Amino acid sequence: EMENDIKSRYDNVVKVIRLKNKNQFDTKFVKVEFNFPKALDDILNKGYMTIDYIKHDVKEYLPQASILICSNCMGLGHFCN
């Protein structure tokens, strides 16, 4: 129901994903994907989204980078075989 509310209020929303913690339990954080960068910028500049008539603060989501490092040659982008 939350996803439907977000998509009905914000036209450019493509996907709504509830983020999980390391134990795979739902957190209070939601990732919202937009199909236009300008729509994302507008929401970030405003600083909040309204969901179920409640204002929620928004921040840009930057996923954790994963870098492969070979334990044999210490090279990047691969593992040793």
PDB file of N, CA and C in Angstrom:
ATOM      1  N   GLU A   1       0.816  -1.202   0.000  1.00  0.00           N
ATOM      2  CA  GLU A   1       0.000   0.000   0.000  1.00  0.00           C
ATOM      3  C   GLU A   1       0.858   1.264   0.000  1.00  0.00           C
ATOM      4  N   MET A   2       2.016   1.221   0.686  1.00  0.00           N
ATOM      5  CA  MET A   2       2.908   2.379   0.703  1.00  0.00           C
ATOM      6  C   MET A   2       3.431   2.658  -0.709  1.00  0.00           C
ATOM      7  N   GLU A   3       3.787   1.606  -1.427  1.00  0.00           N
ATOM      8  CA  GLU A   3       4.289   1.773  -2.794  1.00  0.00           C
ATOM      9  C   GLU A   3       3.234   2.428  -3.678  1.00  0.00           C
ATOM     10  N   ASN A   4       2.003   2.008  -3.554  1.00  0.00           N
ATOM     11  CA  ASN A   4       0.921   2.595  -4.352  1.00  0.00           C
ATOM     12  C   ASN A   4       0.711   4.062  -4.012  1.00  0.00           C
ATOM     13  N   ASP A   5       0.809   4.411  -2.718  1.00  0.00           N
ATOM     14  CA  ASP A   5       0.646   5.806  -2.307  1.00  0.00           C
ATOM     15  C   ASP A   5       1.758   6.674  -2.889  1.00  0.00           C
ATOM     16  N   ILE A   6       2.993   6.188  -2.832  1.00  0.00           N
ATOM     17  CA  ILE A   6       4.126   6.949  -3.371  1.00  0.00           C
ATOM     18  C   ILE A   6       3.970   7.128  -4.879  1.00  0.00           C
ATOM     19  N   LYS A   7       3.627   6.046  -5.578  1.00  0.00           N
ATOM     20  CA  LYS A   7       3.481   6.126  -7.037  1.00  0.00           C
ATOM     21  C   LYS A   7       2.317   7.017  -7.450  1.00  0.00           C
ATOM     22  N   SER A   8       1.268   7.082  -6.638  1.00  0.00           N
ATOM     23  CA  SER A   8       0.137   7.945  -6.992  1.00  0.00           C
ATOM     24  C   SER A   8       0.449   9.419  -6.754  1.00  0.00           C
ATOM     25  N   ARG A   9       1.296   9.722  -5.772  1.00  0.00           N
ATOM     26  CA  ARG A   9       1.647  11.116  -5.472  1.00  0.00           C
ATOM     27  C   ARG A   9       2.781  11.634  -6.358  1.00  0.00           C
ATOM     28  N   TYR A  10       3.678  10.753  -6.775  1.00  0.00           N
ATOM     29  CA  TYR A  10       4.859  11.153  -7.537  1.00  0.00           C
ATOM     30  C   TYR A  10       4.868  10.373  -8.850  1.00  0.00           C
ATOM     31  N   ASP A  11       4.610  11.079  -9.943  1.00  0.00           N
ATOM     32  CA  ASP A  11       4.431  10.449 -11.257  1.00  0.00           C
ATOM     33  C   ASP A  11       5.666   9.723 -11.775  1.00  0.00           C
ATOM     34  N   ASN A  12       6.846  10.212 -11.462  1.00  0.00           N
ATOM     35  CA  ASN A  12       8.073   9.684 -12.058  1.00  0.00           C
ATOM     36  C   ASN A  12       8.712   8.548 -11.269  1.00  0.00           C
ATOM     37  N   VAL A  13       8.005   7.985 -10.301  1.00  0.00           N
ATOM     38  CA  VAL A  13       8.547   6.883  -9.503  1.00  0.00           C
ATOM     39  C   VAL A  13       8.448   5.586 -10.298  1.00  0.00           C
ATOM     40  N   VAL A  14       9.581   4.887 -10.385  1.00  0.00           N
ATOM     41  CA  VAL A  14       9.640   3.623 -11.109  1.00  0.00           C
ATOM     42  C   VAL A  14       9.524   2.443 -10.147  1.00  0.00           C
ATOM     43  N   LYS A  15      10.259   2.513  -9.034  1.00  0.00           N
ATOM     44  CA  LYS A  15      10.331   1.381  -8.120  1.00  0.00           C
ATOM     45  C   LYS A  15      10.463   1.881  -6.683  1.00  0.00           C
ATOM     46  N   VAL A  16       9.838   1.162  -5.753  1.00  0.00           N
ATOM     47  CA  VAL A  16       9.945   1.448  -4.320  1.00  0.00           C
ATOM     48  C   VAL A  16      10.429   0.171  -3.644  1.00  0.00           C
ATOM     49  N   ILE A  17      11.542   0.269  -2.913  1.00  0.00           N
ATOM     50  CA  ILE A  17      12.155  -0.909  -2.298  1.00  0.00           C
ATOM     51  C   ILE A  17      12.383  -0.644  -0.814  1.00  0.00           C
ATOM     52  N   ARG A  18      11.870  -1.530   0.041  1.00  0.00           N
ATOM     53  CA  ARG A  18      12.144  -1.454   1.481  1.00  0.00           C
ATOM     54  C   ARG A  18      13.536  -2.026   1.707  1.00  0.00           C
ATOM     55  N   LEU A  19      14.429  -1.254   2.337  1.00  0.00           N
ATOM     56  CA  LEU A  19      15.794  -1.722   2.577  1.00  0.00           C
ATOM     57  C   LEU A  19      15.817  -2.648   3.786  1.00  0.00           C
ATOM     58  N   LYS A  20      16.735  -3.594   3.773  1.00  0.00           N
ATOM     59  CA  LYS A  20      16.849  -4.585   4.842  1.00  0.00           C
ATOM     60  C   LYS A  20      18.202  -4.440   5.530  1.00  0.00           C
ATOM     61  N   ASN A  21      18.269  -4.884   6.794  1.00  0.00           N
ATOM     62  CA  ASN A  21      19.537  -4.849   7.513  1.00  0.00           C
ATOM     63  C   ASN A  21      20.335  -6.117   7.209  1.00  0.00           C
ATOM     64  N   LYS A  22      21.468  -6.287   7.877  1.00  0.00           N
ATOM     65  CA  LYS A  22      22.337  -7.429   7.562  1.00  0.00           C
ATOM     66  C   LYS A  22      21.692  -8.774   7.894  1.00  0.00           C
ATOM     67  N   ASN A  23      20.678  -8.769   8.760  1.00  0.00           N
ATOM     68  CA  ASN A  23      19.960  -9.999   9.101  1.00  0.00           C
ATOM     69  C   ASN A  23      18.715 -10.202   8.242  1.00  0.00           C
ATOM     70  N   GLN A  24      18.588  -9.395   7.195  1.00  0.00           N
ATOM     71  CA  GLN A  24      17.475  -9.468   6.240  1.00  0.00           C
ATOM     72  C   GLN A  24      16.121  -9.115   6.851  1.00  0.00           C
ATOM     73  N   PHE A  25      16.126  -8.279   7.905  1.00  0.00           N
ATOM     74  CA  PHE A  25      14.888  -7.751   8.458  1.00  0.00           C
ATOM     75  C   PHE A  25      14.622  -6.383   7.848  1.00  0.00           C
ATOM     76  N   ASP A  26      13.349  -6.054   7.655  1.00  0.00           N
ATOM     77  CA  ASP A  26      12.986  -4.746   7.110  1.00  0.00           C
ATOM     78  C   ASP A  26      13.461  -3.631   8.033  1.00  0.00           C
ATOM     79  N   THR A  27      13.941  -2.535   7.428  1.00  0.00           N
ATOM     80  CA  THR A  27      14.297  -1.341   8.195  1.00  0.00           C
ATOM     81  C   THR A  27      13.245  -0.273   7.927  1.00  0.00           C
ATOM     82  N   LYS A  28      13.423   0.884   8.541  1.00  0.00           N
ATOM     83  CA  LYS A  28      12.486   1.986   8.300  1.00  0.00           C
ATOM     84  C   LYS A  28      12.832   2.750   7.024  1.00  0.00           C
ATOM     85  N   PHE A  29      13.887   2.340   6.337  1.00  0.00           N
ATOM     86  CA  PHE A  29      14.347   3.053   5.153  1.00  0.00           C
ATOM     87  C   PHE A  29      13.752   2.465   3.876  1.00  0.00           C
ATOM     88  N   VAL A  30      13.439   3.352   2.944  1.00  0.00           N
ATOM     89  CA  VAL A  30      12.862   2.957   1.669  1.00  0.00           C
ATOM     90  C   VAL A  30      13.669   3.616   0.559  1.00  0.00           C
ATOM     91  N   LYS A  31      13.994   2.842  -0.459  1.00  0.00           N
ATOM     92  CA  LYS A  31      14.690   3.380  -1.632  1.00  0.00           C
ATOM     93  C   LYS A  31      13.651   3.599  -2.725  1.00  0.00           C
ATOM     94  N   VAL A  32      13.614   4.820  -3.254  1.00  0.00           N
ATOM     95  CA  VAL A  32      12.658   5.171  -4.302  1.00  0.00           C
ATOM     96  C   VAL A  32      13.454   5.502  -5.559  1.00  0.00           C
ATOM     97  N   GLU A  33      13.151   4.807  -6.653  1.00  0.00           N
ATOM     98  CA  GLU A  33      13.843   5.041  -7.921  1.00  0.00           C
ATOM     99  C   GLU A  33      12.945   5.852  -8.847  1.00  0.00           C
ATOM    100  N   PHE A  34      13.539   6.861  -9.483  1.00  0.00           N
ATOM    101  CA  PHE A  34      12.825   7.746 -10.400  1.00  0.00           C
ATOM    102  C   PHE A  34      13.303   7.507 -11.825  1.00  0.00           C
ATOM    103  N   ASN A  35      12.434   7.793 -12.807  1.00  0.00           N
ATOM    104  CA  ASN A  35      12.842   7.607 -14.199  1.00  0.00           C
ATOM    105  C   ASN A  35      13.435   8.870 -14.814  1.00  0.00           C
ATOM    106  N   PHE A  36      13.371  10.006 -14.118  1.00  0.00           N
ATOM    107  CA  PHE A  36      13.968  11.245 -14.609  1.00  0.00           C
ATOM    108  C   PHE A  36      14.848  11.855 -13.521  1.00  0.00           C
ATOM    109  N   PRO A  37      16.104  12.193 -13.838  1.00  0.00           N
ATOM    110  CA  PRO A  37      16.984  12.808 -12.841  1.00  0.00           C
ATOM    111  C   PRO A  37      16.419  14.107 -12.274  1.00  0.00           C
ATOM    112  N   LYS A  38      15.697  14.882 -13.077  1.00  0.00           N
ATOM    113  CA  LYS A  38      15.136  16.143 -12.587  1.00  0.00           C
ATOM    114  C   LYS A  38      14.110  15.893 -11.484  1.00  0.00           C
ATOM    115  N   ALA A  39      13.324  14.846 -11.618  1.00  0.00           N
ATOM    116  CA  ALA A  39      12.343  14.506 -10.579  1.00  0.00           C
ATOM    117  C   ALA A  39      13.055  14.172  -9.275  1.00  0.00           C
ATOM    118  N   LEU A  40      14.144  13.425  -9.362  1.00  0.00           N
ATOM    119  CA  LEU A  40      14.942  13.101  -8.179  1.00  0.00           C
ATOM    120  C   LEU A  40      15.523  14.363  -7.565  1.00  0.00           C
ATOM    121  N   ASP A  41      16.100  15.234  -8.392  1.00  0.00           N
ATOM    122  CA  ASP A  41      16.680  16.484  -7.893  1.00  0.00           C
ATOM    123  C   ASP A  41      15.636  17.353  -7.204  1.00  0.00           C
ATOM    124  N   ASP A  42      14.441  17.420  -7.759  1.00  0.00           N
ATOM    125  CA  ASP A  42      13.374  18.221  -7.146  1.00  0.00           C
ATOM    126  C   ASP A  42      13.033  17.707  -5.753  1.00  0.00           C
ATOM    127  N   ILE A  43      12.918  16.396  -5.598  1.00  0.00           N
ATOM    128  CA  ILE A  43      12.604  15.804  -4.288  1.00  0.00           C
ATOM    129  C   ILE A  43      13.747  16.045  -3.312  1.00  0.00           C
ATOM    130  N   LEU A  44      14.992  15.850  -3.757  1.00  0.00           N
ATOM    131  CA  LEU A  44      16.140  16.061  -2.874  1.00  0.00           C
ATOM    132  C   LEU A  44      16.251  17.518  -2.451  1.00  0.00           C
ATOM    133  N   ASN A  45      15.987  18.453  -3.365  1.00  0.00           N
ATOM    134  CA  ASN A  45      16.039  19.876  -3.024  1.00  0.00           C
ATOM    135  C   ASN A  45      14.935  20.258  -2.052  1.00  0.00           C
ATOM    136  N   LYS A  46      13.765  19.648  -2.208  1.00  0.00           N
ATOM    137  CA  LYS A  46      12.663  19.918  -1.288  1.00  0.00           C
ATOM    138  C   LYS A  46      12.983  19.357   0.095  1.00  0.00           C
ATOM    139  N   GLY A  47      13.650  18.207   0.145  1.00  0.00           N
ATOM    140  CA  GLY A  47      14.095  17.642   1.412  1.00  0.00           C
ATOM    141  C   GLY A  47      13.127  16.686   2.078  1.00  0.00           C
ATOM    142  N   TYR A  48      11.972  16.459   1.475  1.00  0.00           N
ATOM    143  CA  TYR A  48      11.015  15.528   2.073  1.00  0.00           C
ATOM    144  C   TYR A  48      10.083  14.962   1.007  1.00  0.00           C
ATOM    145  N   MET A  49       9.450  13.856   1.367  1.00  0.00           N
ATOM    146  CA  MET A  49       8.376  13.259   0.569  1.00  0.00           C
ATOM    147  C   MET A  49       7.190  13.056   1.500  1.00  0.00           C
ATOM    148  N   THR A  50       5.999  13.199   0.967  1.00  0.00           N
ATOM    149  CA  THR A  50       4.798  12.953   1.751  1.00  0.00           C
ATOM    150  C   THR A  50       4.299  11.546   1.436  1.00  0.00           C
ATOM    151  N   ILE A  51       4.227  10.722   2.481  1.00  0.00           N
ATOM    152  CA  ILE A  51       3.744   9.350   2.341  1.00  0.00           C
ATOM    153  C   ILE A  51       2.668   9.133   3.391  1.00  0.00           C
ATOM    154  N   ASP A  52       1.491   8.727   2.963  1.00  0.00           N
ATOM    155  CA  ASP A  52       0.348   8.541   3.871  1.00  0.00           C
ATOM    156  C   ASP A  52       0.112   9.788   4.719  1.00  0.00           C
ATOM    157  N   TYR A  53       0.188  10.951   4.092  1.00  0.00           N
ATOM    158  CA  TYR A  53      -0.058  12.258   4.711  1.00  0.00           C
ATOM    159  C   TYR A  53       0.954  12.620   5.797  1.00  0.00           C
ATOM    160  N   ILE A  54       2.113  11.990   5.793  1.00  0.00           N
ATOM    161  CA  ILE A  54       3.179  12.291   6.749  1.00  0.00           C
ATOM    162  C   ILE A  54       4.416  12.682   5.957  1.00  0.00           C
ATOM    163  N   LYS A  55       5.078  13.783   6.373  1.00  0.00           N
ATOM    164  CA  LYS A  55       6.313  14.207   5.716  1.00  0.00           C
ATOM    165  C   LYS A  55       7.475  13.365   6.229  1.00  0.00           C
ATOM    166  N   HIS A  56       8.238  12.816   5.298  1.00  0.00           N
ATOM    167  CA  HIS A  56       9.421  12.028   5.636  1.00  0.00           C
ATOM    168  C   HIS A  56      10.637  12.682   5.004  1.00  0.00           C
ATOM    169  N   ASP A  57      11.706  12.834   5.793  1.00  0.00           N
ATOM    170  CA  ASP A  57      12.951  13.394   5.271  1.00  0.00           C
ATOM    171  C   ASP A  57      13.529  12.464   4.212  1.00  0.00           C
ATOM    172  N   VAL A  58      14.179  13.055   3.214  1.00  0.00           N
ATOM    173  CA  VAL A  58      14.816  12.263   2.160  1.00  0.00           C
ATOM    174  C   VAL A  58      16.295  12.601   2.073  1.00  0.00           C
ATOM    175  N   LYS A  59      17.079  11.604   1.727  1.00  0.00           N
ATOM    176  CA  LYS A  59      18.506  11.763   1.476  1.00  0.00           C
ATOM    177  C   LYS A  59      18.851  10.908   0.269  1.00  0.00           C
ATOM    178  N   GLU A  60      19.895  11.301  -0.432  1.00  0.00           N
ATOM    179  CA  GLU A  60      20.320  10.522  -1.590  1.00  0.00           C
ATOM    180  C   GLU A  60      20.899   9.191  -1.124  1.00  0.00           C
ATOM    181  N   TYR A  61      20.515   8.124  -1.792  1.00  0.00           N
ATOM    182  CA  TYR A  61      20.994   6.779  -1.457  1.00  0.00           C
ATOM    183  C   TYR A  61      22.255   6.488  -2.257  1.00  0.00           C
ATOM    184  N   LEU A  62      23.331   6.227  -1.548  1.00  0.00           N
ATOM    185  CA  LEU A  62      24.593   5.860  -2.188  1.00  0.00           C
ATOM    186  C   LEU A  62      24.949   4.451  -1.721  1.00  0.00           C
ATOM    187  N   PRO A  63      24.793   3.451  -2.586  1.00  0.00           N
ATOM    188  CA  PRO A  63      25.060   2.072  -2.163  1.00  0.00           C
ATOM    189  C   PRO A  63      26.532   1.863  -1.846  1.00  0.00           C
ATOM    190  N   GLN A  64      26.778   0.886  -0.980  1.00  0.00           N
ATOM    191  CA  GLN A  64      28.136   0.554  -0.597  1.00  0.00           C
ATOM    192  C   GLN A  64      28.872  -0.032  -1.799  1.00  0.00           C
ATOM    193  N   ALA A  65      30.078   0.447  -2.039  1.00  0.00           N
ATOM    194  CA  ALA A  65      30.867  -0.046  -3.169  1.00  0.00           C
ATOM    195  C   ALA A  65      31.469  -1.404  -2.819  1.00  0.00           C
ATOM    196  N   SER A  66      31.473  -2.301  -3.775  1.00  0.00           N
ATOM    197  CA  SER A  66      32.124  -3.596  -3.559  1.00  0.00           C
ATOM    198  C   SER A  66      33.262  -3.716  -4.563  1.00  0.00           C
ATOM    199  N   ILE A  67      34.443  -3.933  -4.038  1.00  0.00           N
ATOM    200  CA  ILE A  67      35.637  -4.012  -4.872  1.00  0.00           C
ATOM    201  C   ILE A  67      36.241  -5.402  -4.714  1.00  0.00           C
ATOM    202  N   LEU A  68      36.475  -6.067  -5.831  1.00  0.00           N
ATOM    203  CA  LEU A  68      37.123  -7.374  -5.800  1.00  0.00           C
ATOM    204  C   LEU A  68      38.632  -7.179  -5.740  1.00  0.00           C
ATOM    205  N   ILE A  69      39.290  -7.871  -4.790  1.00  0.00           N
ATOM    206  CA  ILE A  69      40.746  -7.798  -4.665  1.00  0.00           C
ATOM    207  C   ILE A  69      41.290  -9.220  -4.633  1.00  0.00           C
ATOM    208  N   CYS A  70      42.207  -9.497  -5.521  1.00  0.00           N
ATOM    209  CA  CYS A  70      42.828 -10.816  -5.603  1.00  0.00           C
ATOM    210  C   CYS A  70      43.779 -11.011  -4.415  1.00  0.00           C
ATOM    211  N   SER A  71      43.641 -12.139  -3.710  1.00  0.00           N
ATOM    212  CA  SER A  71      44.526 -12.392  -2.566  1.00  0.00           C
ATOM    213  C   SER A  71      45.895 -12.913  -3.009  1.00  0.00           C
ATOM    214  N   ASN A  72      46.033 -13.252  -4.284  1.00  0.00           N
ATOM    215  CA  ASN A  72      47.302 -13.758  -4.799  1.00  0.00           C
ATOM    216  C   ASN A  72      48.199 -12.612  -5.278  1.00  0.00           C
ATOM    217  N   CYS A  73      47.680 -11.774  -6.189  1.00  0.00           N
ATOM    218  CA  CYS A  73      48.511 -10.712  -6.769  1.00  0.00           C
ATOM    219  C   CYS A  73      48.138  -9.321  -6.249  1.00  0.00           C
ATOM    220  N   MET A  74      47.096  -9.235  -5.434  1.00  0.00           N
ATOM    221  CA  MET A  74      46.568  -7.971  -4.902  1.00  0.00           C
ATOM    222  C   MET A  74      46.040  -7.060  -6.007  1.00  0.00           C
ATOM    223  N   GLY A  75      45.738  -7.638  -7.161  1.00  0.00           N
ATOM    224  CA  GLY A  75      45.148  -6.878  -8.262  1.00  0.00           C
ATOM    225  C   GLY A  75      43.666  -6.640  -8.024  1.00  0.00           C
ATOM    226  N   LEU A  76      43.146  -5.617  -8.656  1.00  0.00           N
ATOM    227  CA  LEU A  76      41.739  -5.261  -8.492  1.00  0.00           C
ATOM    228  C   LEU A  76      40.878  -5.883  -9.579  1.00  0.00           C
ATOM    229  N   GLY A  77      39.629  -6.166  -9.241  1.00  0.00           N
ATOM    230  CA  GLY A  77      38.651  -6.601 -10.222  1.00  0.00           C
ATOM    231  C   GLY A  77      38.543  -8.097 -10.432  1.00  0.00           C
ATOM    232  N   HIS A  78      39.282  -8.900  -9.663  1.00  0.00           N
ATOM    233  CA  HIS A  78      39.182 -10.354  -9.812  1.00  0.00           C
ATOM    234  C   HIS A  78      39.619 -11.043  -8.520  1.00  0.00           C
ATOM    235  N   PHE A  79      39.259 -12.315  -8.403  1.00  0.00           N
ATOM    236  CA  PHE A  79      39.744 -13.165  -7.319  1.00  0.00           C
ATOM    237  C   PHE A  79      40.778 -14.121  -7.892  1.00  0.00           C
ATOM    238  N   CYS A  80      41.597 -14.723  -7.010  1.00  0.00           N
ATOM    239  CA  CYS A  80      42.544 -15.727  -7.510  1.00  0.00           C
ATOM    240  C   CYS A  80      41.792 -17.029  -7.780  1.00  0.00           C
ATOM    241  N   ASN A  81      42.283 -17.803  -8.736  1.00  0.00           N
ATOM    242  CA  ASN A  81      41.628 -19.076  -9.099  1.00  0.00           C
ATOM    243  C   ASN A  81      42.212 -20.227  -8.323  1.00  0.00           C
TER     244      ASN A  81
END
